[in-house]
Amino acid sequence: MSEILKLCHIEKIYGEKESKVFALHDVNMQVKEGEFIAIVGTSGSGKSTLLNLIGGLDTPTKGKILIKGRELNLLKRKELTIFRRRNIGFVFQNYSLMPVLNVYDNVALPITFDRGNHKNHDYIEELLKELGIWDKRKKYPSELSGGQQQRTAIARAMINKPAILLADEPTGNLDTSTALEVMGLLKTSCQKYNQTILMVTHNEAIAQTCDRIIHIEDGKILQKPLFLEKDGDKKC
């Protein structure tokens, strides 16, 4: 498997002088294509900040983030927006669905931004059937259960077939049974589409089902998350 993500000496500082806060400090990480990684840590440890930086929603104070060999910091704003839309999918704890759009249109929204009306209806149908919500395609978010809303959010994140899926507490608002179903769907997606998934979670049991666990405390990674170098792989 080839490397898809690399973080080199990442720092993120909020505020200035006396109010300066180190959200992340000297974070180094390498991720291979197709890995399913759990990011765990206490509240305020820097988990969500790390995910936002990888997703290009925020910029590091220092350091480099490379996805598929492209350094995010070097991309212009418009280039970053297009790159993010085509390569990165986001799944949030609060679902972040558009309340005025039905399930089908919520899922198709990223394609609408990127390709106008050129939608792959067959793929949307396949995705919604695979996630068990094809029969809900005309329903609005307010008419869905929490699990159905999260499935819709996952489908929307996957619609552009992103190389990396970032999930921030995707099971946090779900009961145990539904949470396990959602985890199963994410693992199936990872395997079927060879996607790389990074998931922030506070649930240690769920984290144990992933390929690898990265522990963060006080903005630092507690255990070295680098895969073993071979065939010319290079560290930061």
C-alpha atoms as a PDB file:
ATOM      1  CA  MET A   1       0.000   0.000   0.000  1.00  0.00           C
ATOM      2  CA  SER A   2       1.252   3.483  -0.838  1.00  0.00           C
ATOM      3  CA  GLU A   3       1.376   6.466   1.479  1.00  0.00           C
ATOM      4  CA  ILE A   4      -1.622   8.775   1.101  1.00  0.00           C
ATOM      5  CA  LEU A   5      -1.195  11.191   4.018  1.00  0.00           C
ATOM      6  CA  LYS A   6       1.830  12.687   5.746  1.00  0.00           C
ATOM      7  CA  LEU A   7       2.020  15.249   8.548  1.00  0.00           C
ATOM      8  CA  CYS A   8       5.429  16.751   9.281  1.00  0.00           C
ATOM      9  CA  HIS A   9       6.123  18.693  12.501  1.00  0.00           C
ATOM     10  CA  ILE A  10       2.625  20.137  12.700  1.00  0.00           C
ATOM     11  CA  GLU A  11       1.932  22.860  15.253  1.00  0.00           C
ATOM     12  CA  LYS A  12      -1.323  24.722  15.752  1.00  0.00           C
ATOM     13  CA  ILE A  13      -1.370  27.752  18.031  1.00  0.00           C
ATOM     14  CA  TYR A  14      -4.431  29.804  18.907  1.00  0.00           C
ATOM     15  CA  GLY A  15      -4.189  33.283  20.411  1.00  0.00           C
ATOM     16  CA  GLU A  16      -1.154  35.440  21.112  1.00  0.00           C
ATOM     17  CA  LYS A  17       1.193  36.279  24.000  1.00  0.00           C
ATOM     18  CA  GLU A  18      -0.408  35.462  27.374  1.00  0.00           C
ATOM     19  CA  SER A  19      -3.466  33.885  25.741  1.00  0.00           C
ATOM     20  CA  LYS A  20      -1.428  31.630  23.436  1.00  0.00           C
ATOM     21  CA  VAL A  21      -2.655  28.025  23.401  1.00  0.00           C
ATOM     22  CA  PHE A  22      -0.802  25.117  21.772  1.00  0.00           C
ATOM     23  CA  ALA A  23      -3.588  22.962  20.315  1.00  0.00           C
ATOM     24  CA  LEU A  24      -1.081  20.680  18.553  1.00  0.00           C
ATOM     25  CA  HIS A  25       2.652  20.373  19.077  1.00  0.00           C
ATOM     26  CA  ASP A  26       5.170  18.672  16.746  1.00  0.00           C
ATOM     27  CA  VAL A  27       2.745  16.123  15.327  1.00  0.00           C
ATOM     28  CA  ASN A  28       4.247  13.687  12.807  1.00  0.00           C
ATOM     29  CA  MET A  29       2.167  11.027  11.141  1.00  0.00           C
ATOM     30  CA  GLN A  30       2.120   8.839   8.056  1.00  0.00           C
ATOM     31  CA  VAL A  31      -0.951   6.989   6.815  1.00  0.00           C
ATOM     32  CA  LYS A  32      -1.146   4.369   4.100  1.00  0.00           C
ATOM     33  CA  GLU A  33      -3.913   4.014   1.569  1.00  0.00           C
ATOM     34  CA  GLY A  34      -6.806   1.880   2.818  1.00  0.00           C
ATOM     35  CA  GLU A  35      -6.066   2.215   6.549  1.00  0.00           C
ATOM     36  CA  PHE A  36      -8.901   2.705   9.050  1.00  0.00           C
ATOM     37  CA  ILE A  37      -7.480   4.731  11.935  1.00  0.00           C
ATOM     38  CA  ALA A  38      -9.071   5.779  15.214  1.00  0.00           C
ATOM     39  CA  ILE A  39      -7.914   9.002  16.879  1.00  0.00           C
ATOM     40  CA  VAL A  40      -8.614   8.991  20.609  1.00  0.00           C
ATOM     41  CA  GLY A  41      -7.933  11.308  23.537  1.00  0.00           C
ATOM     42  CA  THR A  42      -9.619  13.322  26.250  1.00  0.00           C
ATOM     43  CA  SER A  43     -11.785  16.348  25.528  1.00  0.00           C
ATOM     44  CA  GLY A  44      -9.636  19.265  24.364  1.00  0.00           C
ATOM     45  CA  SER A  45      -6.636  17.074  23.540  1.00  0.00           C
ATOM     46  CA  GLY A  46      -6.496  18.246  19.911  1.00  0.00           C
ATOM     47  CA  LYS A  47      -8.361  15.440  18.105  1.00  0.00           C
ATOM     48  CA  SER A  48     -10.836  17.600  16.190  1.00  0.00           C
ATOM     49  CA  THR A  49      -8.173  20.232  15.488  1.00  0.00           C
ATOM     50  CA  LEU A  50      -6.045  17.539  13.870  1.00  0.00           C
ATOM     51  CA  LEU A  51      -8.965  16.379  11.729  1.00  0.00           C
ATOM     52  CA  ASN A  52      -9.759  19.947  10.642  1.00  0.00           C
ATOM     53  CA  LEU A  53      -6.152  20.524   9.587  1.00  0.00           C
ATOM     54  CA  ILE A  54      -6.028  17.297   7.578  1.00  0.00           C
ATOM     55  CA  GLY A  55      -9.320  18.253   5.931  1.00  0.00           C
ATOM     56  CA  GLY A  56      -8.058  21.690   4.947  1.00  0.00           C
ATOM     57  CA  LEU A  57     -10.723  23.402   7.068  1.00  0.00           C
ATOM     58  CA  ASP A  58      -7.954  25.109   9.066  1.00  0.00           C
ATOM     59  CA  THR A  59      -4.266  25.794   8.487  1.00  0.00           C
ATOM     60  CA  PRO A  60      -1.331  24.787  10.707  1.00  0.00           C
ATOM     61  CA  THR A  61       0.819  27.442  12.359  1.00  0.00           C
ATOM     62  CA  LYS A  62       3.889  25.411  11.411  1.00  0.00           C
ATOM     63  CA  GLY A  63       4.610  22.232   9.509  1.00  0.00           C
ATOM     64  CA  LYS A  64       3.429  20.487   6.332  1.00  0.00           C
ATOM     65  CA  ILE A  65       0.414  18.351   5.453  1.00  0.00           C
ATOM     66  CA  LEU A  66       0.615  16.299   2.270  1.00  0.00           C
ATOM     67  CA  ILE A  67      -2.291  14.366   0.771  1.00  0.00           C
ATOM     68  CA  LYS A  68      -1.565  12.258  -2.310  1.00  0.00           C
ATOM     69  CA  GLY A  69       1.729  14.129  -2.539  1.00  0.00           C
ATOM     70  CA  ARG A  70       0.106  17.581  -2.619  1.00  0.00           C
ATOM     71  CA  GLU A  71       1.050  20.013   0.137  1.00  0.00           C
ATOM     72  CA  LEU A  72      -2.163  21.691   1.285  1.00  0.00           C
ATOM     73  CA  ASN A  73      -0.452  24.912   2.377  1.00  0.00           C
ATOM     74  CA  LEU A  74       0.790  25.544  -1.164  1.00  0.00           C
ATOM     75  CA  LEU A  75      -2.665  25.357  -2.727  1.00  0.00           C
ATOM     76  CA  LYS A  76      -4.498  28.589  -3.431  1.00  0.00           C
ATOM     77  CA  ARG A  77      -7.914  28.994  -1.834  1.00  0.00           C
ATOM     78  CA  LYS A  78      -9.878  27.935  -4.920  1.00  0.00           C
ATOM     79  CA  GLU A  79      -7.484  25.060  -5.623  1.00  0.00           C
ATOM     80  CA  LEU A  80      -7.835  23.859  -2.030  1.00  0.00           C
ATOM     81  CA  THR A  81     -11.637  23.980  -2.221  1.00  0.00           C
ATOM     82  CA  ILE A  82     -11.666  21.849  -5.386  1.00  0.00           C
ATOM     83  CA  PHE A  83      -8.989  19.457  -4.080  1.00  0.00           C
ATOM     84  CA  ARG A  84     -10.853  19.000  -0.796  1.00  0.00           C
ATOM     85  CA  ARG A  85     -14.186  18.396  -2.517  1.00  0.00           C
ATOM     86  CA  ARG A  86     -12.706  15.766  -4.833  1.00  0.00           C
ATOM     87  CA  ASN A  87     -10.416  13.968  -2.393  1.00  0.00           C
ATOM     88  CA  ILE A  88     -11.787  14.361   1.139  1.00  0.00           C
ATOM     89  CA  GLY A  89     -15.153  13.386   2.611  1.00  0.00           C
ATOM     90  CA  PHE A  90     -16.430  14.630   5.978  1.00  0.00           C
ATOM     91  CA  VAL A  91     -18.790  12.937   8.433  1.00  0.00           C
ATOM     92  CA  PHE A  92     -19.741  14.950  11.532  1.00  0.00           C
ATOM     93  CA  GLN A  93     -21.387  14.003  14.817  1.00  0.00           C
ATOM     94  CA  ASN A  94     -24.290  16.408  14.260  1.00  0.00           C
ATOM     95  CA  TYR A  95     -24.826  15.144  10.667  1.00  0.00           C
ATOM     96  CA  SER A  96     -24.836  18.723   9.171  1.00  0.00           C
ATOM     97  CA  LEU A  97     -27.565  17.908   6.650  1.00  0.00           C
ATOM     98  CA  MET A  98     -29.462  20.613   4.756  1.00  0.00           C
ATOM     99  CA  PRO A  99     -32.948  20.656   6.341  1.00  0.00           C
ATOM    100  CA  VAL A 100     -34.647  21.936   3.151  1.00  0.00           C
ATOM    101  CA  LEU A 101     -33.282  19.091   0.993  1.00  0.00           C
ATOM    102  CA  ASN A 102     -34.476  15.496   0.939  1.00  0.00           C
ATOM    103  CA  VAL A 103     -32.109  12.553   1.393  1.00  0.00           C
ATOM    104  CA  TYR A 104     -31.370  12.169  -2.317  1.00  0.00           C
ATOM    105  CA  ASP A 105     -30.566  15.860  -2.821  1.00  0.00           C
ATOM    106  CA  ASN A 106     -28.481  16.053   0.365  1.00  0.00           C
ATOM    107  CA  VAL A 107     -26.354  13.171  -0.887  1.00  0.00           C
ATOM    108  CA  ALA A 108     -26.063  14.638  -4.391  1.00  0.00           C
ATOM    109  CA  LEU A 109     -25.119  18.114  -3.121  1.00  0.00           C
ATOM    110  CA  PRO A 110     -21.302  17.761  -3.447  1.00  0.00           C
ATOM    111  CA  ILE A 111     -21.716  16.552  -7.040  1.00  0.00           C
ATOM    112  CA  THR A 112     -23.971  19.523  -7.781  1.00  0.00           C
ATOM    113  CA  PHE A 113     -21.220  21.882  -6.592  1.00  0.00           C
ATOM    114  CA  ASP A 114     -18.568  20.099  -8.628  1.00  0.00           C
ATOM    115  CA  ARG A 115     -20.341  18.971 -11.783  1.00  0.00           C
ATOM    116  CA  GLY A 116     -23.600  20.899 -11.988  1.00  0.00           C
ATOM    117  CA  ASN A 117     -26.449  18.672 -13.119  1.00  0.00           C
ATOM    118  CA  HIS A 118     -24.202  15.824 -14.282  1.00  0.00           C
ATOM    119  CA  LYS A 119     -25.117  13.322 -11.557  1.00  0.00           C
ATOM    120  CA  ASN A 120     -24.439   9.620 -11.643  1.00  0.00           C
ATOM    121  CA  HIS A 121     -27.951   8.515 -10.628  1.00  0.00           C
ATOM    122  CA  ASP A 122     -27.007   4.833 -10.765  1.00  0.00           C
ATOM    123  CA  TYR A 123     -24.168   5.337  -8.279  1.00  0.00           C
ATOM    124  CA  ILE A 124     -26.378   7.404  -5.944  1.00  0.00           C
ATOM    125  CA  GLU A 125     -28.993   4.635  -6.016  1.00  0.00           C
ATOM    126  CA  GLU A 126     -26.329   1.968  -5.392  1.00  0.00           C
ATOM    127  CA  LEU A 127     -24.912   3.942  -2.463  1.00  0.00           C
ATOM    128  CA  LEU A 128     -28.284   4.607  -0.839  1.00  0.00           C
ATOM    129  CA  LYS A 129     -29.306   0.963  -1.224  1.00  0.00           C
ATOM    130  CA  GLU A 130     -26.008  -0.196   0.255  1.00  0.00           C
ATOM    131  CA  LEU A 131     -26.561   2.100   3.245  1.00  0.00           C
ATOM    132  CA  GLY A 132     -30.168   0.962   3.602  1.00  0.00           C
ATOM    133  CA  ILE A 133     -31.835   4.330   2.976  1.00  0.00           C
ATOM    134  CA  TRP A 134     -32.950   4.131  -0.659  1.00  0.00           C
ATOM    135  CA  ASP A 135     -36.559   3.917   0.528  1.00  0.00           C
ATOM    136  CA  LYS A 136     -35.983   7.169   2.473  1.00  0.00           C
ATOM    137  CA  ARG A 137     -34.635   9.123  -0.498  1.00  0.00           C
ATOM    138  CA  LYS A 138     -37.622  11.514  -0.624  1.00  0.00           C
ATOM    139  CA  LYS A 139     -37.704  12.083   3.134  1.00  0.00           C
ATOM    140  CA  TYR A 140     -36.330  15.216   4.786  1.00  0.00           C
ATOM    141  CA  PRO A 141     -33.804  15.115   7.683  1.00  0.00           C
ATOM    142  CA  SER A 142     -36.513  15.982  10.233  1.00  0.00           C
ATOM    143  CA  GLU A 143     -38.378  12.826   9.194  1.00  0.00           C
ATOM    144  CA  LEU A 144     -35.412  10.517   9.817  1.00  0.00           C
ATOM    145  CA  SER A 145     -34.034   8.778  12.896  1.00  0.00           C
ATOM    146  CA  GLY A 146     -30.520   9.625  14.107  1.00  0.00           C
ATOM    147  CA  GLY A 147     -29.111   6.511  12.491  1.00  0.00           C
ATOM    148  CA  GLN A 148     -30.794   7.313   9.167  1.00  0.00           C
ATOM    149  CA  GLN A 149     -29.459  10.866   9.269  1.00  0.00           C
ATOM    150  CA  GLN A 150     -25.937   9.589   9.899  1.00  0.00           C
ATOM    151  CA  ARG A 151     -26.255   7.099   7.024  1.00  0.00           C
ATOM    152  CA  THR A 152     -27.310  10.005   4.804  1.00  0.00           C
ATOM    153  CA  ALA A 153     -24.300  12.000   5.984  1.00  0.00           C
ATOM    154  CA  ILE A 154     -22.006   9.050   5.206  1.00  0.00           C
ATOM    155  CA  ALA A 155     -23.509   8.691   1.732  1.00  0.00           C
ATOM    156  CA  ARG A 156     -22.963  12.412   1.099  1.00  0.00           C
ATOM    157  CA  ALA A 157     -19.343  12.114   2.251  1.00  0.00           C
ATOM    158  CA  MET A 158     -18.786   9.150  -0.083  1.00  0.00           C
ATOM    159  CA  ILE A 159     -20.574  10.456  -3.169  1.00  0.00           C
ATOM    160  CA  ASN A 160     -17.419  11.856  -4.803  1.00  0.00           C
ATOM    161  CA  LYS A 161     -15.534   8.633  -3.972  1.00  0.00           C
ATOM    162  CA  PRO A 162     -12.974  10.512  -1.846  1.00  0.00           C
ATOM    163  CA  ALA A 163      -9.577   9.021  -1.154  1.00  0.00           C
ATOM    164  CA  ILE A 164      -9.823  10.040   2.516  1.00  0.00           C
ATOM    165  CA  LEU A 165     -12.886  10.002   4.762  1.00  0.00           C
ATOM    166  CA  LEU A 166     -12.691  12.096   7.955  1.00  0.00           C
ATOM    167  CA  ALA A 167     -15.238  11.230  10.637  1.00  0.00           C
ATOM    168  CA  ASP A 168     -15.556  13.332  13.802  1.00  0.00           C
ATOM    169  CA  GLU A 169     -17.389  11.318  16.485  1.00  0.00           C
ATOM    170  CA  PRO A 170     -19.711   9.747  13.858  1.00  0.00           C
ATOM    171  CA  THR A 171     -21.348   7.480  16.441  1.00  0.00           C
ATOM    172  CA  GLY A 172     -21.462   9.981  19.306  1.00  0.00           C
ATOM    173  CA  ASN A 173     -25.213  10.657  19.056  1.00  0.00           C
ATOM    174  CA  LEU A 174     -26.229   7.069  18.343  1.00  0.00           C
ATOM    175  CA  ASP A 175     -27.304   4.197  20.552  1.00  0.00           C
ATOM    176  CA  THR A 176     -24.975   1.207  20.819  1.00  0.00           C
ATOM    177  CA  SER A 177     -26.753  -0.950  18.238  1.00  0.00           C
ATOM    178  CA  THR A 178     -26.941   1.830  15.627  1.00  0.00           C
ATOM    179  CA  ALA A 179     -23.342   2.852  16.361  1.00  0.00           C
ATOM    180  CA  LEU A 180     -22.147  -0.679  15.579  1.00  0.00           C
ATOM    181  CA  GLU A 181     -24.142  -0.655  12.328  1.00  0.00           C
ATOM    182  CA  VAL A 182     -22.566   2.653  11.289  1.00  0.00           C
ATOM    183  CA  MET A 183     -19.094   1.305  12.123  1.00  0.00           C
ATOM    184  CA  GLY A 184     -19.826  -1.736   9.976  1.00  0.00           C
ATOM    185  CA  LEU A 185     -20.818   0.520   7.082  1.00  0.00           C
ATOM    186  CA  LEU A 186     -17.626   2.565   7.423  1.00  0.00           C
ATOM    187  CA  LYS A 187     -15.454  -0.561   7.491  1.00  0.00           C
ATOM    188  CA  THR A 188     -17.252  -1.955   4.433  1.00  0.00           C
ATOM    189  CA  SER A 189     -16.682   1.334   2.603  1.00  0.00           C
ATOM    190  CA  CYS A 190     -13.002   1.310   3.559  1.00  0.00           C
ATOM    191  CA  GLN A 191     -12.569  -2.192   2.138  1.00  0.00           C
ATOM    192  CA  LYS A 192     -14.823  -1.930  -0.922  1.00  0.00           C
ATOM    193  CA  TYR A 193     -13.519   1.416  -2.197  1.00  0.00           C
ATOM    194  CA  ASN A 194     -10.010   1.179  -0.707  1.00  0.00           C
ATOM    195  CA  GLN A 195     -10.686   4.381   1.182  1.00  0.00           C
ATOM    196  CA  THR A 196      -8.568   5.706   4.011  1.00  0.00           C
ATOM    197  CA  ILE A 197     -10.627   6.610   7.079  1.00  0.00           C
ATOM    198  CA  LEU A 198      -9.531   8.693  10.059  1.00  0.00           C
ATOM    199  CA  MET A 199     -12.130   8.696  12.814  1.00  0.00           C
ATOM    200  CA  VAL A 200     -12.157  10.696  16.031  1.00  0.00           C
ATOM    201  CA  THR A 201     -13.929   8.785  18.780  1.00  0.00           C
ATOM    202  CA  HIS A 202     -14.163   8.764  22.567  1.00  0.00           C
ATOM    203  CA  ASN A 203     -15.396   5.162  22.515  1.00  0.00           C
ATOM    204  CA  GLU A 204     -12.476   2.841  23.238  1.00  0.00           C
ATOM    205  CA  ALA A 205     -14.449  -0.277  22.227  1.00  0.00           C
ATOM    206  CA  ILE A 206     -15.206   1.198  18.816  1.00  0.00           C
ATOM    207  CA  ALA A 207     -11.599   2.347  18.433  1.00  0.00           C
ATOM    208  CA  GLN A 208     -10.427  -1.230  19.014  1.00  0.00           C
ATOM    209  CA  THR A 209     -12.214  -2.342  15.830  1.00  0.00           C
ATOM    210  CA  CYS A 210      -9.986  -0.105  13.680  1.00  0.00           C
ATOM    211  CA  ASP A 211      -6.670  -1.034  12.067  1.00  0.00           C
ATOM    212  CA  ARG A 212      -4.690   1.367  14.227  1.00  0.00           C
ATOM    213  CA  ILE A 213      -5.251   3.702  17.169  1.00  0.00           C
ATOM    214  CA  ILE A 214      -3.534   7.067  17.569  1.00  0.00           C
ATOM    215  CA  HIS A 215      -3.631   8.545  21.083  1.00  0.00           C
ATOM    216  CA  ILE A 216      -3.444  12.318  21.507  1.00  0.00           C
ATOM    217  CA  GLU A 217      -3.052  14.182  24.795  1.00  0.00           C
ATOM    218  CA  ASP A 218      -2.279  17.873  25.282  1.00  0.00           C
ATOM    219  CA  GLY A 219      -1.744  18.276  21.549  1.00  0.00           C
ATOM    220  CA  LYS A 220       0.890  15.558  21.316  1.00  0.00           C
ATOM    221  CA  ILE A 221       0.777  12.016  19.937  1.00  0.00           C
ATOM    222  CA  LEU A 222       1.544   9.606  22.764  1.00  0.00           C
ATOM    223  CA  GLN A 223       2.737   6.710  20.669  1.00  0.00           C
ATOM    224  CA  LYS A 224       4.617   6.848  17.427  1.00  0.00           C
ATOM    225  CA  PRO A 225       2.058   6.331  14.631  1.00  0.00           C
ATOM    226  CA  LEU A 226       4.530   5.832  11.774  1.00  0.00           C
ATOM    227  CA  PHE A 227       4.424   2.620   9.788  1.00  0.00           C
ATOM    228  CA  LEU A 228       7.718   0.802   9.365  1.00  0.00           C
ATOM    229  CA  GLU A 229       9.832   2.186   6.572  1.00  0.00           C
ATOM    230  CA  LYS A 230      10.585  -0.043   3.644  1.00  0.00           C
ATOM    231  CA  ASP A 231      10.967   0.217  -0.108  1.00  0.00           C
ATOM    232  CA  GLY A 232      12.310   3.726   0.143  1.00  0.00           C
ATOM    233  CA  ASP A 233       9.613   5.229   2.385  1.00  0.00           C
ATOM    234  CA  LYS A 234      10.866   8.398   4.036  1.00  0.00           C
ATOM    235  CA  LYS A 235      10.113   9.928   7.397  1.00  0.00           C
ATOM    236  CA  CYS A 236       9.493  13.645   7.836  1.00  0.00           C
END
